mmCIF file of all heavy atoms, coordinates in Angstrom:
data_MODEL
# 
_entry.id   MODEL 
# 
loop_
_atom_site.group_PDB 
_atom_site.id 
_atom_site.type_symbol 
_atom_site.label_atom_id 
_atom_site.label_alt_id 
_atom_site.label_comp_id 
_atom_site.label_asym_id 
_atom_site.label_entity_id 
_atom_site.label_seq_id 
_atom_site.pdbx_PDB_ins_code 
_atom_site.Cartn_x 
_atom_site.Cartn_y 
_atom_site.Cartn_z 
_atom_site.occupancy 
_atom_site.B_iso_or_equiv 
_atom_site.pdbx_formal_charge 
_atom_site.auth_seq_id 
_atom_site.auth_comp_id 
_atom_site.auth_asym_id 
_atom_site.auth_atom_id 
_atom_site.pdbx_PDB_model_num 
ATOM 1   N N   . HIS A 1 1  ? 93.713 120.207 125.420 1.00 0.00 ? 1  HIS A N   1 
ATOM 2   C CA  . HIS A 1 1  ? 92.430 120.510 125.037 1.00 0.00 ? 1  HIS A CA  1 
ATOM 3   C C   . HIS A 1 1  ? 91.360 119.607 125.782 1.00 0.00 ? 1  HIS A C   1 
ATOM 4   O O   . HIS A 1 1  ? 90.344 120.111 126.321 1.00 0.00 ? 1  HIS A O   1 
ATOM 5   C CB  . HIS A 1 1  ? 92.192 120.375 123.513 1.00 0.00 ? 1  HIS A CB  1 
ATOM 6   C CG  . HIS A 1 1  ? 90.769 120.467 123.113 1.00 0.00 ? 1  HIS A CG  1 
ATOM 7   N ND1 . HIS A 1 1  ? 90.087 121.727 123.158 1.00 0.00 ? 1  HIS A ND1 1 
ATOM 8   C CD2 . HIS A 1 1  ? 89.855 119.563 122.766 1.00 0.00 ? 1  HIS A CD2 1 
ATOM 9   C CE1 . HIS A 1 1  ? 88.829 121.512 122.642 1.00 0.00 ? 1  HIS A CE1 1 
ATOM 10  N NE2 . HIS A 1 1  ? 88.663 120.095 122.616 1.00 0.00 ? 1  HIS A NE2 1 
ATOM 11  N N   . PHE A 1 2  ? 91.620 118.317 125.837 1.00 0.00 ? 2  PHE A N   1 
ATOM 12  C CA  . PHE A 1 2  ? 90.628 117.378 126.350 1.00 0.00 ? 2  PHE A CA  1 
ATOM 13  C C   . PHE A 1 2  ? 90.646 117.483 127.884 1.00 0.00 ? 2  PHE A C   1 
ATOM 14  O O   . PHE A 1 2  ? 89.686 117.219 128.628 1.00 0.00 ? 2  PHE A O   1 
ATOM 15  C CB  . PHE A 1 2  ? 90.929 115.883 126.025 1.00 0.00 ? 2  PHE A CB  1 
ATOM 16  C CG  . PHE A 1 2  ? 90.397 115.759 124.555 1.00 0.00 ? 2  PHE A CG  1 
ATOM 17  C CD1 . PHE A 1 2  ? 91.293 115.424 123.517 1.00 0.00 ? 2  PHE A CD1 1 
ATOM 18  C CD2 . PHE A 1 2  ? 89.065 115.767 124.393 1.00 0.00 ? 2  PHE A CD2 1 
ATOM 19  C CE1 . PHE A 1 2  ? 90.764 115.155 122.290 1.00 0.00 ? 2  PHE A CE1 1 
ATOM 20  C CE2 . PHE A 1 2  ? 88.597 115.579 123.013 1.00 0.00 ? 2  PHE A CE2 1 
ATOM 21  C CZ  . PHE A 1 2  ? 89.447 115.262 122.020 1.00 0.00 ? 2  PHE A CZ  1 
ATOM 22  N N   . GLU A 1 3  ? 91.720 117.809 128.523 1.00 0.00 ? 3  GLU A N   1 
ATOM 23  C CA  . GLU A 1 3  ? 91.823 118.066 129.943 1.00 0.00 ? 3  GLU A CA  1 
ATOM 24  C C   . GLU A 1 3  ? 90.870 119.286 130.270 1.00 0.00 ? 3  GLU A C   1 
ATOM 25  O O   . GLU A 1 3  ? 90.043 119.260 131.208 1.00 0.00 ? 3  GLU A O   1 
ATOM 26  C CB  . GLU A 1 3  ? 93.249 118.439 130.521 1.00 0.00 ? 3  GLU A CB  1 
ATOM 27  C CG  . GLU A 1 3  ? 94.122 117.250 130.507 1.00 0.00 ? 3  GLU A CG  1 
ATOM 28  C CD  . GLU A 1 3  ? 95.489 117.599 130.684 1.00 0.00 ? 3  GLU A CD  1 
ATOM 29  O OE1 . GLU A 1 3  ? 95.988 118.622 130.471 1.00 0.00 ? 3  GLU A OE1 1 
ATOM 30  O OE2 . GLU A 1 3  ? 96.329 116.758 131.386 1.00 0.00 ? 3  GLU A OE2 1 
ATOM 31  N N   . ARG A 1 4  ? 90.842 120.335 129.494 1.00 0.00 ? 4  ARG A N   1 
ATOM 32  C CA  . ARG A 1 4  ? 90.062 121.490 129.803 1.00 0.00 ? 4  ARG A CA  1 
ATOM 33  C C   . ARG A 1 4  ? 88.530 121.133 129.422 1.00 0.00 ? 4  ARG A C   1 
ATOM 34  O O   . ARG A 1 4  ? 87.698 121.609 130.203 1.00 0.00 ? 4  ARG A O   1 
ATOM 35  C CB  . ARG A 1 4  ? 90.536 122.670 128.796 1.00 0.00 ? 4  ARG A CB  1 
ATOM 36  C CG  . ARG A 1 4  ? 91.921 123.174 129.248 1.00 0.00 ? 4  ARG A CG  1 
ATOM 37  C CD  . ARG A 1 4  ? 92.328 124.260 128.338 1.00 0.00 ? 4  ARG A CD  1 
ATOM 38  N NE  . ARG A 1 4  ? 91.667 125.524 128.572 1.00 0.00 ? 4  ARG A NE  1 
ATOM 39  C CZ  . ARG A 1 4  ? 91.285 126.313 127.630 1.00 0.00 ? 4  ARG A CZ  1 
ATOM 40  N NH1 . ARG A 1 4  ? 91.868 126.235 126.376 1.00 0.00 ? 4  ARG A NH1 1 
ATOM 41  N NH2 . ARG A 1 4  ? 90.552 127.350 127.876 1.00 0.00 ? 4  ARG A NH2 1 
ATOM 42  N N   . VAL A 1 5  ? 88.311 120.367 128.372 1.00 0.00 ? 5  VAL A N   1 
ATOM 43  C CA  . VAL A 1 5  ? 86.898 119.904 128.138 1.00 0.00 ? 5  VAL A CA  1 
ATOM 44  C C   . VAL A 1 5  ? 86.362 119.021 129.184 1.00 0.00 ? 5  VAL A C   1 
ATOM 45  O O   . VAL A 1 5  ? 85.228 119.319 129.750 1.00 0.00 ? 5  VAL A O   1 
ATOM 46  C CB  . VAL A 1 5  ? 86.841 119.154 126.788 1.00 0.00 ? 5  VAL A CB  1 
ATOM 47  C CG1 . VAL A 1 5  ? 85.518 118.463 126.642 1.00 0.00 ? 5  VAL A CG1 1 
ATOM 48  C CG2 . VAL A 1 5  ? 87.100 120.154 125.655 1.00 0.00 ? 5  VAL A CG2 1 
ATOM 49  N N   . GLU A 1 6  ? 87.144 118.046 129.668 1.00 0.00 ? 6  GLU A N   1 
ATOM 50  C CA  . GLU A 1 6  ? 86.844 117.157 130.666 1.00 0.00 ? 6  GLU A CA  1 
ATOM 51  C C   . GLU A 1 6  ? 86.481 117.862 132.021 1.00 0.00 ? 6  GLU A C   1 
ATOM 52  O O   . GLU A 1 6  ? 85.483 117.553 132.762 1.00 0.00 ? 6  GLU A O   1 
ATOM 53  C CB  . GLU A 1 6  ? 87.824 116.091 130.968 1.00 0.00 ? 6  GLU A CB  1 
ATOM 54  C CG  . GLU A 1 6  ? 87.361 114.873 131.651 1.00 0.00 ? 6  GLU A CG  1 
ATOM 55  C CD  . GLU A 1 6  ? 87.772 114.880 133.144 1.00 0.00 ? 6  GLU A CD  1 
ATOM 56  O OE1 . GLU A 1 6  ? 88.780 115.609 133.466 1.00 0.00 ? 6  GLU A OE1 1 
ATOM 57  O OE2 . GLU A 1 6  ? 87.291 114.152 133.851 1.00 0.00 ? 6  GLU A OE2 1 
ATOM 58  N N   . SER A 1 7  ? 87.265 118.897 132.466 1.00 0.00 ? 7  SER A N   1 
ATOM 59  C CA  . SER A 1 7  ? 87.084 119.562 133.632 1.00 0.00 ? 7  SER A CA  1 
ATOM 60  C C   . SER A 1 7  ? 85.961 120.552 133.653 1.00 0.00 ? 7  SER A C   1 
ATOM 61  O O   . SER A 1 7  ? 85.712 121.250 134.667 1.00 0.00 ? 7  SER A O   1 
ATOM 62  C CB  . SER A 1 7  ? 88.525 120.254 134.070 1.00 0.00 ? 7  SER A CB  1 
ATOM 63  O OG  . SER A 1 7  ? 88.740 121.301 133.206 1.00 0.00 ? 7  SER A OG  1 
ATOM 64  N N   . GLY A 1 8  ? 85.491 120.833 132.435 1.00 0.00 ? 8  GLY A N   1 
ATOM 65  C CA  . GLY A 1 8  ? 84.385 121.965 132.281 1.00 0.00 ? 8  GLY A CA  1 
ATOM 66  C C   . GLY A 1 8  ? 85.083 123.323 132.198 1.00 0.00 ? 8  GLY A C   1 
ATOM 67  O O   . GLY A 1 8  ? 84.316 124.264 132.217 1.00 0.00 ? 8  GLY A O   1 
ATOM 68  N N   . GLU A 1 9  ? 86.418 123.480 132.054 1.00 0.00 ? 9  GLU A N   1 
ATOM 69  C CA  . GLU A 1 9  ? 87.085 124.684 132.007 1.00 0.00 ? 9  GLU A CA  1 
ATOM 70  C C   . GLU A 1 9  ? 86.719 125.428 130.647 1.00 0.00 ? 9  GLU A C   1 
ATOM 71  O O   . GLU A 1 9  ? 86.650 126.739 130.631 1.00 0.00 ? 9  GLU A O   1 
ATOM 72  C CB  . GLU A 1 9  ? 88.493 124.557 132.123 1.00 0.00 ? 9  GLU A CB  1 
ATOM 73  C CG  . GLU A 1 9  ? 89.375 125.811 132.058 1.00 0.00 ? 9  GLU A CG  1 
ATOM 74  C CD  . GLU A 1 9  ? 90.823 125.470 132.200 1.00 0.00 ? 9  GLU A CD  1 
ATOM 75  O OE1 . GLU A 1 9  ? 91.230 124.413 132.730 1.00 0.00 ? 9  GLU A OE1 1 
ATOM 76  O OE2 . GLU A 1 9  ? 91.670 126.297 131.624 1.00 0.00 ? 9  GLU A OE2 1 
ATOM 77  N N   . VAL A 1 10 ? 86.530 124.811 129.650 1.00 0.00 ? 10 VAL A N   1 
ATOM 78  C CA  . VAL A 1 10 ? 86.275 125.234 128.382 1.00 0.00 ? 10 VAL A CA  1 
ATOM 79  C C   . VAL A 1 10 ? 84.897 124.924 127.996 1.00 0.00 ? 10 VAL A C   1 
ATOM 80  O O   . VAL A 1 10 ? 84.383 123.790 128.127 1.00 0.00 ? 10 VAL A O   1 
ATOM 81  C CB  . VAL A 1 10 ? 87.323 124.816 127.195 1.00 0.00 ? 10 VAL A CB  1 
ATOM 82  C CG1 . VAL A 1 10 ? 87.175 123.316 126.983 1.00 0.00 ? 10 VAL A CG1 1 
ATOM 83  C CG2 . VAL A 1 10 ? 87.123 125.602 126.088 1.00 0.00 ? 10 VAL A CG2 1 
ATOM 84  N N   . LYS A 1 11 ? 84.175 125.874 127.377 1.00 0.00 ? 11 LYS A N   1 
ATOM 85  C CA  . LYS A 1 11 ? 82.815 125.650 126.969 1.00 0.00 ? 11 LYS A CA  1 
ATOM 86  C C   . LYS A 1 11 ? 82.808 125.677 125.462 1.00 0.00 ? 11 LYS A C   1 
ATOM 87  O O   . LYS A 1 11 ? 83.310 126.676 124.821 1.00 0.00 ? 11 LYS A O   1 
ATOM 88  C CB  . LYS A 1 11 ? 81.843 126.627 127.457 1.00 0.00 ? 11 LYS A CB  1 
ATOM 89  C CG  . LYS A 1 11 ? 80.386 126.477 127.087 1.00 0.00 ? 11 LYS A CG  1 
ATOM 90  C CD  . LYS A 1 11 ? 79.494 127.311 127.678 1.00 0.00 ? 11 LYS A CD  1 
ATOM 91  C CE  . LYS A 1 11 ? 78.070 127.002 127.164 1.00 0.00 ? 11 LYS A CE  1 
ATOM 92  N NZ  . LYS A 1 11 ? 77.108 127.898 127.713 1.00 0.00 ? 11 LYS A NZ  1 
ATOM 93  N N   . ILE A 1 12 ? 82.167 124.689 124.762 1.00 0.00 ? 12 ILE A N   1 
ATOM 94  C CA  . ILE A 1 12 ? 82.154 124.726 123.344 1.00 0.00 ? 12 ILE A CA  1 
ATOM 95  C C   . ILE A 1 12 ? 80.694 124.741 122.888 1.00 0.00 ? 12 ILE A C   1 
ATOM 96  O O   . ILE A 1 12 ? 79.862 124.089 123.361 1.00 0.00 ? 12 ILE A O   1 
ATOM 97  C CB  . ILE A 1 12 ? 82.914 123.382 122.811 1.00 0.00 ? 12 ILE A CB  1 
ATOM 98  C CG1 . ILE A 1 12 ? 84.446 123.422 123.219 1.00 0.00 ? 12 ILE A CG1 1 
ATOM 99  C CG2 . ILE A 1 12 ? 82.705 123.264 121.334 1.00 0.00 ? 12 ILE A CG2 1 
ATOM 100 C CD1 . ILE A 1 12 ? 85.153 122.145 122.949 1.00 0.00 ? 12 ILE A CD1 1 
ATOM 101 N N   . SER A 1 13 ? 80.450 125.462 121.906 1.00 0.00 ? 13 SER A N   1 
ATOM 102 C CA  . SER A 1 13 ? 79.014 125.646 121.318 1.00 0.00 ? 13 SER A CA  1 
ATOM 103 C C   . SER A 1 13 ? 79.083 125.333 119.864 1.00 0.00 ? 13 SER A C   1 
ATOM 104 O O   . SER A 1 13 ? 79.976 125.795 119.062 1.00 0.00 ? 13 SER A O   1 
ATOM 105 C CB  . SER A 1 13 ? 78.584 127.054 121.490 1.00 0.00 ? 13 SER A CB  1 
ATOM 106 O OG  . SER A 1 13 ? 77.349 127.256 120.918 1.00 0.00 ? 13 SER A OG  1 
ATOM 107 N N   . LEU A 1 14 ? 78.289 124.487 119.412 1.00 0.00 ? 14 LEU A N   1 
ATOM 108 C CA  . LEU A 1 14 ? 78.226 124.107 117.970 1.00 0.00 ? 14 LEU A CA  1 
ATOM 109 C C   . LEU A 1 14 ? 76.921 124.564 117.348 1.00 0.00 ? 14 LEU A C   1 
ATOM 110 O O   . LEU A 1 14 ? 75.764 124.544 117.982 1.00 0.00 ? 14 LEU A O   1 
ATOM 111 C CB  . LEU A 1 14 ? 78.151 122.597 117.877 1.00 0.00 ? 14 LEU A CB  1 
ATOM 112 C CG  . LEU A 1 14 ? 79.397 121.760 118.446 1.00 0.00 ? 14 LEU A CG  1 
ATOM 113 C CD1 . LEU A 1 14 ? 79.213 120.333 118.366 1.00 0.00 ? 14 LEU A CD1 1 
ATOM 114 C CD2 . LEU A 1 14 ? 80.651 122.233 117.760 1.00 0.00 ? 14 LEU A CD2 1 
ATOM 115 N N   . LYS A 1 15 ? 77.017 125.058 116.133 1.00 0.00 ? 15 LYS A N   1 
ATOM 116 C CA  . LYS A 1 15 ? 75.762 125.525 115.324 1.00 0.00 ? 15 LYS A CA  1 
ATOM 117 C C   . LYS A 1 15 ? 74.932 124.220 115.142 1.00 0.00 ? 15 LYS A C   1 
ATOM 118 O O   . LYS A 1 15 ? 75.538 123.271 114.607 1.00 0.00 ? 15 LYS A O   1 
ATOM 119 C CB  . LYS A 1 15 ? 76.266 126.190 114.142 1.00 0.00 ? 15 LYS A CB  1 
ATOM 120 C CG  . LYS A 1 15 ? 75.087 126.551 113.261 1.00 0.00 ? 15 LYS A CG  1 
ATOM 121 C CD  . LYS A 1 15 ? 75.569 127.253 112.005 1.00 0.00 ? 15 LYS A CD  1 
ATOM 122 C CE  . LYS A 1 15 ? 74.392 127.514 111.093 1.00 0.00 ? 15 LYS A CE  1 
ATOM 123 N NZ  . LYS A 1 15 ? 74.814 128.085 109.864 1.00 0.00 ? 15 LYS A NZ  1 
ATOM 124 N N   . PRO A 1 16 ? 73.634 124.305 115.320 1.00 0.00 ? 16 PRO A N   1 
ATOM 125 C CA  . PRO A 1 16 ? 72.957 123.104 115.053 1.00 0.00 ? 16 PRO A CA  1 
ATOM 126 C C   . PRO A 1 16 ? 72.901 122.796 113.651 1.00 0.00 ? 16 PRO A C   1 
ATOM 127 O O   . PRO A 1 16 ? 72.817 123.846 112.785 1.00 0.00 ? 16 PRO A O   1 
ATOM 128 C CB  . PRO A 1 16 ? 71.473 123.513 115.632 1.00 0.00 ? 16 PRO A CB  1 
ATOM 129 C CG  . PRO A 1 16 ? 71.491 125.004 115.838 1.00 0.00 ? 16 PRO A CG  1 
ATOM 130 C CD  . PRO A 1 16 ? 73.003 125.389 115.958 1.00 0.00 ? 16 PRO A CD  1 
ATOM 131 N N   . GLN A 1 17 ? 72.965 121.671 113.153 1.00 0.00 ? 17 GLN A N   1 
ATOM 132 C CA  . GLN A 1 17 ? 73.030 121.376 111.759 1.00 0.00 ? 17 GLN A CA  1 
ATOM 133 C C   . GLN A 1 17 ? 71.637 121.465 111.213 1.00 0.00 ? 17 GLN A C   1 
ATOM 134 O O   . GLN A 1 17 ? 71.410 121.802 109.957 1.00 0.00 ? 17 GLN A O   1 
ATOM 135 C CB  . GLN A 1 17 ? 73.519 119.987 111.521 1.00 0.00 ? 17 GLN A CB  1 
ATOM 136 C CG  . GLN A 1 17 ? 75.053 119.942 111.682 1.00 0.00 ? 17 GLN A CG  1 
ATOM 137 C CD  . GLN A 1 17 ? 75.631 118.593 111.266 1.00 0.00 ? 17 GLN A CD  1 
ATOM 138 O OE1 . GLN A 1 17 ? 75.046 117.509 111.349 1.00 0.00 ? 17 GLN A OE1 1 
ATOM 139 N NE2 . GLN A 1 17 ? 76.888 118.644 110.877 1.00 0.00 ? 17 GLN A NE2 1 
ATOM 140 N N   . ALA A 1 18 ? 70.594 121.027 112.054 1.00 0.00 ? 18 ALA A N   1 
ATOM 141 C CA  . ALA A 1 18 ? 69.165 120.935 111.471 1.00 0.00 ? 18 ALA A CA  1 
ATOM 142 C C   . ALA A 1 18 ? 68.423 122.199 111.881 1.00 0.00 ? 18 ALA A C   1 
ATOM 143 O O   . ALA A 1 18 ? 67.474 121.978 112.548 1.00 0.00 ? 18 ALA A O   1 
ATOM 144 C CB  . ALA A 1 18 ? 68.584 119.614 111.974 1.00 0.00 ? 18 ALA A CB  1 
ATOM 145 N N   . VAL A 1 19 ? 68.905 123.358 111.466 1.00 0.00 ? 19 VAL A N   1 
ATOM 146 C CA  . VAL A 1 19 ? 68.183 124.592 111.909 1.00 0.00 ? 19 VAL A CA  1 
ATOM 147 C C   . VAL A 1 19 ? 66.770 124.655 111.447 1.00 0.00 ? 19 VAL A C   1 
ATOM 148 O O   . VAL A 1 19 ? 65.931 125.367 111.996 1.00 0.00 ? 19 VAL A O   1 
ATOM 149 C CB  . VAL A 1 19 ? 68.994 125.776 111.417 1.00 0.00 ? 19 VAL A CB  1 
ATOM 150 C CG1 . VAL A 1 19 ? 70.332 126.017 112.201 1.00 0.00 ? 19 VAL A CG1 1 
ATOM 151 C CG2 . VAL A 1 19 ? 69.182 125.925 109.962 1.00 0.00 ? 19 VAL A CG2 1 
ATOM 152 N N   . TYR A 1 20 ? 66.438 123.908 110.455 1.00 0.00 ? 20 TYR A N   1 
ATOM 153 C CA  . TYR A 1 20 ? 65.117 123.849 109.873 1.00 0.00 ? 20 TYR A CA  1 
ATOM 154 C C   . TYR A 1 20 ? 64.172 123.307 110.918 1.00 0.00 ? 20 TYR A C   1 
ATOM 155 O O   . TYR A 1 20 ? 62.938 123.511 110.750 1.00 0.00 ? 20 TYR A O   1 
ATOM 156 C CB  . TYR A 1 20 ? 65.063 123.088 108.566 1.00 0.00 ? 20 TYR A CB  1 
ATOM 157 C CG  . TYR A 1 20 ? 65.470 121.662 108.650 1.00 0.00 ? 20 TYR A CG  1 
ATOM 158 C CD1 . TYR A 1 20 ? 64.512 120.706 109.007 1.00 0.00 ? 20 TYR A CD1 1 
ATOM 159 C CD2 . TYR A 1 20 ? 66.712 121.201 108.540 1.00 0.00 ? 20 TYR A CD2 1 
ATOM 160 C CE1 . TYR A 1 20 ? 64.865 119.333 109.129 1.00 0.00 ? 20 TYR A CE1 1 
ATOM 161 C CE2 . TYR A 1 20 ? 67.150 119.984 108.609 1.00 0.00 ? 20 TYR A CE2 1 
ATOM 162 C CZ  . TYR A 1 20 ? 66.206 118.999 108.984 1.00 0.00 ? 20 TYR A CZ  1 
ATOM 163 O OH  . TYR A 1 20 ? 66.489 117.678 109.083 1.00 0.00 ? 20 TYR A OH  1 
ATOM 164 N N   . LYS A 1 21 ? 64.769 122.584 111.933 1.00 0.00 ? 21 LYS A N   1 
ATOM 165 C CA  . LYS A 1 21 ? 63.823 122.044 112.996 1.00 0.00 ? 21 LYS A CA  1 
ATOM 166 C C   . LYS A 1 21 ? 63.538 122.984 114.171 1.00 0.00 ? 21 LYS A C   1 
ATOM 167 O O   . LYS A 1 21 ? 62.674 122.664 115.037 1.00 0.00 ? 21 LYS A O   1 
ATOM 168 C CB  . LYS A 1 21 ? 64.536 120.707 113.502 1.00 0.00 ? 21 LYS A CB  1 
ATOM 169 C CG  . LYS A 1 21 ? 64.446 119.635 112.617 1.00 0.00 ? 21 LYS A CG  1 
ATOM 170 C CD  . LYS A 1 21 ? 65.035 118.369 113.236 1.00 0.00 ? 21 LYS A CD  1 
ATOM 171 C CE  . LYS A 1 21 ? 64.938 117.250 112.257 1.00 0.00 ? 21 LYS A CE  1 
ATOM 172 N NZ  . LYS A 1 21 ? 65.300 115.966 112.803 1.00 0.00 ? 21 LYS A NZ  1 
ATOM 173 N N   . LEU A 1 22 ? 64.250 124.154 114.146 1.00 0.00 ? 22 LEU A N   1 
ATOM 174 C CA  . LEU A 1 22 ? 64.003 125.101 115.234 1.00 0.00 ? 22 LEU A CA  1 
ATOM 175 C C   . LEU A 1 22 ? 62.554 125.528 115.397 1.00 0.00 ? 22 LEU A C   1 
ATOM 176 O O   . LEU A 1 22 ? 61.964 125.575 116.546 1.00 0.00 ? 22 LEU A O   1 
ATOM 177 C CB  . LEU A 1 22 ? 64.824 126.440 114.971 1.00 0.00 ? 22 LEU A CB  1 
ATOM 178 C CG  . LEU A 1 22 ? 66.280 126.282 115.448 1.00 0.00 ? 22 LEU A CG  1 
ATOM 179 C CD1 . LEU A 1 22 ? 67.032 127.606 115.032 1.00 0.00 ? 22 LEU A CD1 1 
ATOM 180 C CD2 . LEU A 1 22 ? 66.389 126.211 116.911 1.00 0.00 ? 22 LEU A CD2 1 
ATOM 181 N N   . PRO A 1 23 ? 61.783 125.760 114.367 1.00 0.00 ? 23 PRO A N   1 
ATOM 182 C CA  . PRO A 1 23 ? 60.400 126.107 114.521 1.00 0.00 ? 23 PRO A CA  1 
ATOM 183 C C   . PRO A 1 23 ? 59.533 124.874 115.201 1.00 0.00 ? 23 PRO A C   1 
ATOM 184 O O   . PRO A 1 23 ? 58.477 125.324 115.854 1.00 0.00 ? 23 PRO A O   1 
ATOM 185 C CB  . PRO A 1 23 ? 59.757 126.337 113.179 1.00 0.00 ? 23 PRO A CB  1 
ATOM 186 C CG  . PRO A 1 23 ? 61.017 126.598 112.270 1.00 0.00 ? 23 PRO A CG  1 
ATOM 187 C CD  . PRO A 1 23 ? 62.089 125.806 112.997 1.00 0.00 ? 23 PRO A CD  1 
ATOM 188 N N   . GLU A 1 24 ? 60.013 123.741 115.209 1.00 0.00 ? 24 GLU A N   1 
ATOM 189 C CA  . GLU A 1 24 ? 59.324 122.640 115.892 1.00 0.00 ? 24 GLU A CA  1 
ATOM 190 C C   . GLU A 1 24 ? 59.467 122.731 117.353 1.00 0.00 ? 24 GLU A C   1 
ATOM 191 O O   . GLU A 1 24 ? 58.601 122.311 118.114 1.00 0.00 ? 24 GLU A O   1 
ATOM 192 C CB  . GLU A 1 24 ? 59.861 121.355 115.425 1.00 0.00 ? 24 GLU A CB  1 
ATOM 193 C CG  . GLU A 1 24 ? 59.597 121.048 114.018 1.00 0.00 ? 24 GLU A CG  1 
ATOM 194 C CD  . GLU A 1 24 ? 60.284 119.675 113.416 1.00 0.00 ? 24 GLU A CD  1 
ATOM 195 O OE1 . GLU A 1 24 ? 60.568 118.874 114.348 1.00 0.00 ? 24 GLU A OE1 1 
ATOM 196 O OE2 . GLU A 1 24 ? 60.476 119.514 112.370 1.00 0.00 ? 24 GLU A OE2 1 
# 
């Protein structure tokens, strides 16, 4: 997993925790 992350082979997207800040 970390080899793929380090090489850029895998893209990971996380849901922002502070969605209430989007309007800012």
